[in-house]
């Protein structure tokens, strides 16, 4: 009889454990849609402005004004929402598209809440009075 009670107790404990597991389980997030987005490569300084020929879609961003702080450069796909993650999300204070590129800024992560349109080359070295630390995503397109 003592054996039966131990078995029953083990079954109850196993059942309770399973219920708790299912009660607190959180579904995995859906995979992100493929955007072709390129991660920004962190660089030490702004690309030389004397290099006139750049790639359309190239964007240089920094977390501080006047091209300071953490800076990055990447050639992004055109006409696609570029989602900003750490360290860029709501931290950009300098934004410079390459020649032939213009961008639209959004405050949210999914290019929904429009901030400003048609930011072209040379961009803004000092955004302290102009949407500083507010960009969450952007879309770039050819300005040619």
Protein backbone atom coordinates (compact mmCIF):
# COMPACT_ATOMS: atom_id res chain seq x y z
CA UNK A 1 0.00 0.00 0.00
CA UNK A 2 2.84 2.35 0.79
CA UNK A 3 4.26 1.68 -2.73
CA UNK A 4 0.94 2.64 -4.33
CA UNK A 5 0.85 5.97 -2.51
CA UNK A 6 4.41 6.80 -3.63
CA UNK A 7 3.48 6.01 -7.22
CA UNK A 8 0.37 8.13 -6.98
CA UNK A 9 2.35 11.00 -5.46
CA UNK A 10 4.92 10.78 -8.26
CA UNK A 11 2.14 10.82 -10.86
CA UNK A 12 0.52 13.85 -9.24
CA UNK A 13 3.87 15.67 -9.10
CA UNK A 14 4.57 14.87 -12.74
CA UNK A 15 1.08 16.01 -13.77
CA UNK A 16 1.42 19.26 -11.78
CA UNK A 17 4.82 19.91 -13.31
CA UNK A 18 3.40 19.44 -16.81
CA UNK A 19 0.50 21.81 -16.07
CA UNK A 20 2.85 24.49 -14.78
CA UNK A 21 5.10 24.09 -17.83
CA UNK A 22 2.18 24.56 -20.22
CA UNK A 23 0.72 27.43 -18.19
CA UNK A 24 3.89 29.50 -18.33
CA UNK A 25 5.05 28.49 -21.79
CA UNK A 26 5.40 31.44 -24.14
CA UNK A 27 5.14 30.85 -27.87
CA UNK A 28 8.24 31.62 -29.88
CA UNK A 29 8.04 34.85 -31.88
CA UNK A 30 7.37 34.53 -35.57
CA UNK A 31 10.51 34.76 -37.70
CA UNK A 32 11.17 38.23 -39.10
CA UNK A 33 10.35 38.83 -42.73
CA UNK A 34 13.34 38.81 -45.02
CA UNK A 35 14.15 42.41 -45.86
CA UNK A 36 17.67 42.01 -47.18
CA UNK A 37 18.73 44.48 -44.50
CA UNK A 38 22.48 44.71 -43.87
CA UNK A 39 23.86 45.18 -40.34
CA UNK A 40 25.81 48.41 -39.92
CA UNK A 41 29.55 47.84 -39.70
CA UNK A 42 30.93 49.94 -36.86
CA UNK A 43 33.67 52.19 -38.24
CA UNK A 44 36.16 54.60 -36.66
CA UNK A 45 35.52 57.64 -38.83
CA UNK A 46 33.29 58.99 -41.57
CA UNK A 47 34.19 57.84 -45.07
CA UNK A 48 36.32 60.40 -46.93
CA UNK A 49 33.93 62.94 -48.54
CA UNK A 50 36.35 63.28 -51.44
CA UNK A 51 35.25 59.80 -52.51
CA UNK A 52 32.43 61.13 -54.69
CA UNK A 53 31.44 57.79 -56.17
CA UNK A 54 29.71 55.76 -53.47
CA UNK A 55 27.09 53.06 -53.67
CA UNK A 56 23.44 54.09 -53.88
CA UNK A 57 21.84 52.91 -50.65
CA UNK A 58 24.92 53.59 -48.52
CA UNK A 59 24.21 55.30 -45.19
CA UNK A 60 26.61 56.53 -42.50
CA UNK A 61 25.14 56.99 -38.99
CA UNK A 62 26.53 58.04 -35.60
CA UNK A 63 25.15 58.10 -32.07
CA UNK A 64 26.55 61.59 -31.35
CA UNK A 65 26.47 64.87 -33.25
CA UNK A 66 29.20 65.83 -35.71
CA UNK A 67 29.92 62.23 -36.69
CA UNK A 68 31.07 61.20 -33.19
CA UNK A 69 30.20 58.37 -30.80
CA UNK A 70 29.54 54.92 -32.21
CA UNK A 71 29.39 55.19 -36.00
CA UNK A 72 28.46 52.69 -38.67
CA UNK A 73 28.19 52.36 -42.41
CA UNK A 74 26.22 49.95 -44.59
CA UNK A 75 24.79 49.77 -48.08
CA UNK A 76 21.11 48.97 -47.51
CA UNK A 77 18.60 47.60 -50.01
CA UNK A 78 16.53 50.34 -51.61
CA UNK A 79 12.80 50.73 -50.93
CA UNK A 80 12.89 48.41 -47.90
CA UNK A 81 12.25 49.21 -44.25
CA UNK A 82 15.55 49.22 -42.36
CA UNK A 83 14.87 48.32 -38.71
CA UNK A 84 17.32 49.83 -36.25
CA UNK A 85 18.51 47.76 -33.31
CA UNK A 86 21.03 48.45 -30.56
CA UNK A 87 23.07 50.68 -30.58
CA UNK A 88 21.20 52.65 -33.25
CA UNK A 89 17.49 52.55 -32.24
CA UNK A 90 16.47 56.04 -31.03
CA UNK A 91 20.17 56.97 -30.70
CA UNK A 92 21.13 58.51 -34.06
CA UNK A 93 22.45 62.08 -33.90
CA UNK A 94 24.24 62.19 -37.31
CA UNK A 95 22.81 60.68 -40.51
CA UNK A 96 24.49 60.81 -43.92
CA UNK A 97 23.27 59.02 -47.05
CA UNK A 98 25.72 58.55 -49.91
CA UNK A 99 25.43 60.61 -53.11
CA UNK A 100 22.46 59.34 -55.10
CA UNK A 101 20.60 58.17 -51.99
CA UNK A 102 17.72 59.82 -50.13
CA UNK A 103 15.93 58.43 -47.08
CA UNK A 104 12.68 58.79 -45.15
CA UNK A 105 12.86 58.54 -41.35
CA UNK A 106 10.33 56.88 -39.05
CA UNK A 107 10.08 56.99 -35.26
CA UNK A 108 8.96 53.38 -34.82
CA UNK A 109 10.71 50.11 -35.64
CA UNK A 110 8.52 49.17 -38.63
CA UNK A 111 8.48 52.30 -40.85
CA UNK A 112 4.99 53.36 -39.74
CA UNK A 113 5.29 56.70 -37.89
CA UNK A 114 6.78 59.12 -40.40
CA UNK A 115 9.20 61.78 -39.12
CA UNK A 116 10.73 63.40 -42.21
CA UNK A 117 11.11 62.56 -45.87
CA UNK A 118 13.87 63.15 -48.41
CA UNK A 119 17.03 63.32 -46.38
CA UNK A 120 19.72 63.35 -49.06
CA UNK A 121 23.48 63.71 -49.22
CA UNK A 122 25.31 65.10 -47.28
CA UNK A 123 22.70 64.49 -44.56
CA UNK A 124 22.87 66.01 -41.08
CA UNK A 125 26.00 66.12 -38.93
CA UNK A 126 24.11 67.76 -36.04
CA UNK A 127 20.57 66.59 -35.40
CA UNK A 128 20.42 68.07 -31.87
CA UNK A 129 17.59 70.40 -32.97
CA UNK A 130 16.15 68.09 -35.62
CA UNK A 131 14.75 64.66 -34.59
CA UNK A 132 17.79 63.81 -32.46
CA UNK A 133 17.59 60.28 -31.01
CA UNK A 134 14.15 59.69 -32.56
CA UNK A 135 14.83 57.47 -35.60
CA UNK A 136 13.64 53.89 -35.17
CA UNK A 137 13.69 52.85 -38.83
CA UNK A 138 14.14 54.31 -42.30
CA UNK A 139 13.64 53.63 -45.99
CA UNK A 140 16.17 54.74 -48.61
CA UNK A 141 15.69 55.11 -52.34
CA UNK A 142 17.62 56.36 -55.33
CA UNK A 143 17.60 60.15 -55.60
CA UNK A 144 18.93 60.13 -59.17
